[in-house]
Structure formats: structure tokens, C-alpha cells
């Protein structure tokens, strides 16, 4: 359920207190997840998160994002993989100093989970390389935590 950088969610969400960040080859990726309570239905085992991503080119060469890969794990440890061209229908070109922002979503059948992944990039010189997406938690107020 991708949304463009200009779309505003119409529902209430609980934003994470901080962003998850990492830098690969001078490309900074920052992710801020949010639980979307009004589009979730815990009684039916349906939980939804949005996540806002900022990709910033802090290097000296132009790069293009070609593809994405996500590894998504729900609260029971079940994993799924998602991959495809670009992000939210775009394959953005980032010149030095430029950033690209987008928001997307992730439904799960459990009250918590985690995501990680990478972007496939290409430099202006034609070199292909991967940029890490930091692992981040999908947390909700319905999560049952046990302290041992």
C-alpha cells in the first residue's frame, strides 16, 4: 500500500520515538515505522504499520535505486520476502546531496514483527551495488511481552 511523499495518512498512527539508520557507500537510509491503529483489527488478527523511508546520497557520485528487497518477520518468527523494481513505482536518481522520501505499509497477522532488507543501486559509472536498509521493529500496543 504505497503512498507518495506527498500523501498524508488520514488515520491515527503511533510513530516510533526514533529513526533506524545506516549508511552504505555514502548512501544514508533512515526508516521511521508507525503502528496504524485505525486500520488495524486485533480481534481479527490484522495489524498494520506504515514506515517512512528517507534515502540520502551523501557521496560524490550520482546513483539510481533500481530494486528493493525486504525480509519481513512476524511475531511468531514466520518470514516472508518481498522484492521488485524500485520503490512506490519509482526508480529515483539521486545526485550528490539529494534525498528521496517515501511512505509504504506492512500488514501482519501478529501484534509485532521486524523488517530488514536492501536496495539494489547503480552508480553513474554503471557499477551495481547493494545499500543496506536498517533492521527495524514493528511494535504495537497489543504486543504481549514476557519478562523472564
C-alpha atoms as a PDB file:
ATOM      1  CA  UNK A   1       0.000   0.000   0.000  1.00  0.00           C
ATOM      2  CA  UNK A   2       2.485   2.624  -1.130  1.00  0.00           C
ATOM      3  CA  UNK A   3       1.884   6.317  -0.624  1.00  0.00           C
ATOM      4  CA  UNK A   4       3.848   9.080  -2.292  1.00  0.00           C
ATOM      5  CA  UNK A   5       5.957  11.562  -0.363  1.00  0.00           C
ATOM      6  CA  UNK A   6       3.054  13.998  -0.653  1.00  0.00           C
ATOM      7  CA  UNK A   7       0.272  11.781   0.703  1.00  0.00           C
ATOM      8  CA  UNK A   8      -0.758  12.339   4.306  1.00  0.00           C
ATOM      9  CA  UNK A   9      -2.179   9.380   6.241  1.00  0.00           C
ATOM     10  CA  UNK A  10      -5.771  10.013   7.252  1.00  0.00           C
ATOM     11  CA  UNK A  11      -5.649   7.710  10.221  1.00  0.00           C
ATOM     12  CA  UNK A  12      -4.053   7.965  13.618  1.00  0.00           C
ATOM     13  CA  UNK A  13      -0.690   6.294  13.948  1.00  0.00           C
ATOM     14  CA  UNK A  14       1.854   5.803  16.692  1.00  0.00           C
ATOM     15  CA  UNK A  15       5.237   6.926  15.405  1.00  0.00           C
ATOM     16  CA  UNK A  16       8.397   5.373  16.694  1.00  0.00           C
ATOM     17  CA  UNK A  17      10.339   7.649  19.032  1.00  0.00           C
ATOM     18  CA  UNK A  18      13.377   7.452  16.753  1.00  0.00           C
ATOM     19  CA  UNK A  19      14.501   6.518  13.288  1.00  0.00           C
ATOM     20  CA  UNK A  20      16.567   3.481  12.420  1.00  0.00           C
ATOM     21  CA  UNK A  21      19.554   4.460  10.260  1.00  0.00           C
ATOM     22  CA  UNK A  22      22.538   3.010   8.443  1.00  0.00           C
ATOM     23  CA  UNK A  23      24.996   4.178   5.802  1.00  0.00           C
ATOM     24  CA  UNK A  24      26.387   2.076   2.940  1.00  0.00           C
ATOM     25  CA  UNK A  25      28.793   3.629   0.418  1.00  0.00           C
ATOM     26  CA  UNK A  26      27.734   7.137   1.462  1.00  0.00           C
ATOM     27  CA  UNK A  27      24.024   6.371   0.978  1.00  0.00           C
ATOM     28  CA  UNK A  28      22.136   7.010   4.239  1.00  0.00           C
ATOM     29  CA  UNK A  29      18.876   5.097   4.733  1.00  0.00           C
ATOM     30  CA  UNK A  30      16.610   6.171   7.575  1.00  0.00           C
ATOM     31  CA  UNK A  31      13.358   4.378   8.486  1.00  0.00           C
ATOM     32  CA  UNK A  32      10.660   5.520  10.905  1.00  0.00           C
ATOM     33  CA  UNK A  33       7.881   2.923  11.473  1.00  0.00           C
ATOM     34  CA  UNK A  34       4.428   3.731  12.860  1.00  0.00           C
ATOM     35  CA  UNK A  35       1.602   1.470  14.012  1.00  0.00           C
ATOM     36  CA  UNK A  36      -1.641   2.421  12.230  1.00  0.00           C
ATOM     37  CA  UNK A  37      -4.235   1.675  14.882  1.00  0.00           C
ATOM     38  CA  UNK A  38      -7.321   2.803  13.000  1.00  0.00           C
ATOM     39  CA  UNK A  39      -6.598   0.428  10.102  1.00  0.00           C
ATOM     40  CA  UNK A  40      -5.763  -2.497  12.373  1.00  0.00           C
ATOM     41  CA  UNK A  41      -8.210  -5.050  13.801  1.00  0.00           C
ATOM     42  CA  UNK A  42      -6.591  -7.050  16.630  1.00  0.00           C
ATOM     43  CA  UNK A  43      -9.723  -9.203  17.095  1.00  0.00           C
ATOM     44  CA  UNK A  44      -9.314 -10.396  13.506  1.00  0.00           C
ATOM     45  CA  UNK A  45      -5.522 -10.755  13.699  1.00  0.00           C
ATOM     46  CA  UNK A  46      -4.875  -7.815  11.366  1.00  0.00           C
ATOM     47  CA  UNK A  47      -2.198  -5.270  12.292  1.00  0.00           C
ATOM     48  CA  UNK A  48      -0.904  -2.529  10.009  1.00  0.00           C
ATOM     49  CA  UNK A  49       2.226  -0.390  10.124  1.00  0.00           C
ATOM     50  CA  UNK A  50       3.395   2.418   7.912  1.00  0.00           C
ATOM     51  CA  UNK A  51       7.066   3.184   7.518  1.00  0.00           C
ATOM     52  CA  UNK A  52       8.619   6.392   6.236  1.00  0.00           C
ATOM     53  CA  UNK A  53      11.939   5.990   4.438  1.00  0.00           C
ATOM     54  CA  UNK A  54      14.499   8.654   3.601  1.00  0.00           C
ATOM     55  CA  UNK A  55      17.333   7.765   1.224  1.00  0.00           C
ATOM     56  CA  UNK A  56      20.058  10.398   1.101  1.00  0.00           C
ATOM     57  CA  UNK A  57      23.074  10.471  -1.211  1.00  0.00           C
ATOM     58  CA  UNK A  58      25.921  11.769   0.970  1.00  0.00           C
ATOM     59  CA  UNK A  59      28.548  10.739  -1.580  1.00  0.00           C
ATOM     60  CA  UNK A  60      30.153  12.389  -4.563  1.00  0.00           C
ATOM     61  CA  UNK A  61      28.555  10.437  -7.415  1.00  0.00           C
ATOM     62  CA  UNK A  62      25.041  10.163  -8.829  1.00  0.00           C
ATOM     63  CA  UNK A  63      23.240   6.864  -8.101  1.00  0.00           C
ATOM     64  CA  UNK A  64      19.936   5.282  -9.062  1.00  0.00           C
ATOM     65  CA  UNK A  65      17.756   2.977  -6.972  1.00  0.00           C
ATOM     66  CA  UNK A  66      16.792   0.049  -9.201  1.00  0.00           C
ATOM     67  CA  UNK A  67      15.136  -2.525  -6.922  1.00  0.00           C
ATOM     68  CA  UNK A  68      14.178  -3.377  -3.346  1.00  0.00           C
ATOM     69  CA  UNK A  69      14.342  -6.499  -1.191  1.00  0.00           C
ATOM     70  CA  UNK A  70      12.550  -6.859   2.155  1.00  0.00           C
ATOM     71  CA  UNK A  71      12.784  -9.652   4.722  1.00  0.00           C
ATOM     72  CA  UNK A  72       9.681  -9.420   6.945  1.00  0.00           C
ATOM     73  CA  UNK A  73       9.273 -11.495  10.100  1.00  0.00           C
ATOM     74  CA  UNK A  74       6.065 -11.592  12.140  1.00  0.00           C
ATOM     75  CA  UNK A  75       5.832 -12.004  15.911  1.00  0.00           C
ATOM     76  CA  UNK A  76       5.783 -15.810  15.610  1.00  0.00           C
ATOM     77  CA  UNK A  77       9.012 -15.900  13.613  1.00  0.00           C
ATOM     78  CA  UNK A  78       7.362 -16.585  10.247  1.00  0.00           C
ATOM     79  CA  UNK A  79       9.290 -14.880   7.457  1.00  0.00           C
ATOM     80  CA  UNK A  80       8.360 -13.634   4.031  1.00  0.00           C
ATOM     81  CA  UNK A  81      10.389 -11.974   1.314  1.00  0.00           C
ATOM     82  CA  UNK A  82       9.272  -9.128  -0.919  1.00  0.00           C
ATOM     83  CA  UNK A  83      11.258  -7.876  -3.882  1.00  0.00           C
ATOM     84  CA  UNK A  84      10.636  -5.882  -7.008  1.00  0.00           C
ATOM     85  CA  UNK A  85      11.654  -2.926  -9.110  1.00  0.00           C
ATOM     86  CA  UNK A  86      12.077   0.467  -7.449  1.00  0.00           C
ATOM     87  CA  UNK A  87      10.009   1.796  -4.569  1.00  0.00           C
ATOM     88  CA  UNK A  88       6.403   3.095  -4.720  1.00  0.00           C
ATOM     89  CA  UNK A  89       6.534   2.933  -8.519  1.00  0.00           C
ATOM     90  CA  UNK A  90       9.752   4.973  -8.820  1.00  0.00           C
ATOM     91  CA  UNK A  91      13.406   4.283  -9.550  1.00  0.00           C
ATOM     92  CA  UNK A  92      14.776   7.580  -8.268  1.00  0.00           C
ATOM     93  CA  UNK A  93      18.077   9.083  -9.399  1.00  0.00           C
ATOM     94  CA  UNK A  94      19.918  10.781  -6.535  1.00  0.00           C
ATOM     95  CA  UNK A  95      22.608  13.306  -7.305  1.00  0.00           C
ATOM     96  CA  UNK A  96      25.146  14.125  -4.576  1.00  0.00           C
ATOM     97  CA  UNK A  97      23.343  15.800  -1.662  1.00  0.00           C
ATOM     98  CA  UNK A  98      19.854  14.802  -2.837  1.00  0.00           C
ATOM     99  CA  UNK A  99      17.346  12.753  -0.868  1.00  0.00           C
ATOM    100  CA  UNK A 100      14.243  10.767  -1.740  1.00  0.00           C
ATOM    101  CA  UNK A 101      11.429  10.106   0.723  1.00  0.00           C
ATOM    102  CA  UNK A 102       8.511   7.711   0.541  1.00  0.00           C
ATOM    103  CA  UNK A 103       5.995   6.016   2.810  1.00  0.00           C
ATOM    104  CA  UNK A 104       4.712   2.473   2.463  1.00  0.00           C
ATOM    105  CA  UNK A 105       2.963  -0.085   4.659  1.00  0.00           C
ATOM    106  CA  UNK A 106       3.206  -3.587   6.048  1.00  0.00           C
ATOM    107  CA  UNK A 107       0.289  -5.726   7.298  1.00  0.00           C
ATOM    108  CA  UNK A 108       0.968  -8.619   9.672  1.00  0.00           C
ATOM    109  CA  UNK A 109      -1.215 -11.228  11.406  1.00  0.00           C
ATOM    110  CA  UNK A 110       0.651 -10.631  14.698  1.00  0.00           C
ATOM    111  CA  UNK A 111       0.970  -7.633  17.036  1.00  0.00           C
ATOM    112  CA  UNK A 112       4.683  -7.241  16.351  1.00  0.00           C
ATOM    113  CA  UNK A 113       7.350  -8.032  13.826  1.00  0.00           C
ATOM    114  CA  UNK A 114      10.517  -6.806  12.183  1.00  0.00           C
ATOM    115  CA  UNK A 115      11.752  -5.795   8.750  1.00  0.00           C
ATOM    116  CA  UNK A 116      15.162  -5.537   7.110  1.00  0.00           C
ATOM    117  CA  UNK A 117      16.447  -5.511   3.570  1.00  0.00           C
ATOM    118  CA  UNK A 118      18.449  -3.766   0.915  1.00  0.00           C
ATOM    119  CA  UNK A 119      18.187  -1.623  -2.207  1.00  0.00           C
ATOM    120  CA  UNK A 120      19.913  -2.509  -5.454  1.00  0.00           C
ATOM    121  CA  UNK A 121      21.628   0.627  -6.727  1.00  0.00           C
ATOM    122  CA  UNK A 122      23.631   1.623  -9.800  1.00  0.00           C
ATOM    123  CA  UNK A 123      26.296   4.305  -9.917  1.00  0.00           C
ATOM    124  CA  UNK A 124      26.610   6.801 -12.786  1.00  0.00           C
ATOM    125  CA  UNK A 125      29.617   4.738 -13.918  1.00  0.00           C
ATOM    126  CA  UNK A 126      27.342   1.666 -14.255  1.00  0.00           C
ATOM    127  CA  UNK A 127      28.535  -0.197 -11.146  1.00  0.00           C
ATOM    128  CA  UNK A 128      25.821  -2.194  -9.375  1.00  0.00           C
ATOM    129  CA  UNK A 129      25.851  -2.347  -5.561  1.00  0.00           C
ATOM    130  CA  UNK A 130      23.587  -3.014  -2.574  1.00  0.00           C
ATOM    131  CA  UNK A 131      22.628  -0.481   0.083  1.00  0.00           C
ATOM    132  CA  UNK A 132      21.504  -1.885   3.425  1.00  0.00           C
ATOM    133  CA  UNK A 133      18.110  -0.983   4.875  1.00  0.00           C
ATOM    134  CA  UNK A 134      18.451  -0.997   8.664  1.00  0.00           C
ATOM    135  CA  UNK A 135      16.554  -3.682  10.549  1.00  0.00           C
ATOM    136  CA  UNK A 136      13.619  -2.140  12.406  1.00  0.00           C
ATOM    137  CA  UNK A 137      10.871  -3.267  14.747  1.00  0.00           C
ATOM    138  CA  UNK A 138       7.148  -3.207  14.088  1.00  0.00           C
ATOM    139  CA  UNK A 139       5.645  -2.712  17.534  1.00  0.00           C
ATOM    140  CA  UNK A 140       2.078  -2.149  18.671  1.00  0.00           C
ATOM    141  CA  UNK A 141       0.305  -1.596  21.982  1.00  0.00           C
ATOM    142  CA  UNK A 142      -1.255  -5.072  21.550  1.00  0.00           C
ATOM    143  CA  UNK A 143       2.079  -6.850  21.779  1.00  0.00           C
ATOM    144  CA  UNK A 144       2.233  -9.348  24.668  1.00  0.00           C
ATOM    145  CA  UNK A 145       5.721  -9.147  26.191  1.00  0.00           C
ATOM    146  CA  UNK A 146       7.042 -11.610  28.707  1.00  0.00           C
ATOM    147  CA  UNK A 147       9.888 -10.776  31.027  1.00  0.00           C
ATOM    148  CA  UNK A 148      11.925 -13.779  32.151  1.00  0.00           C
END
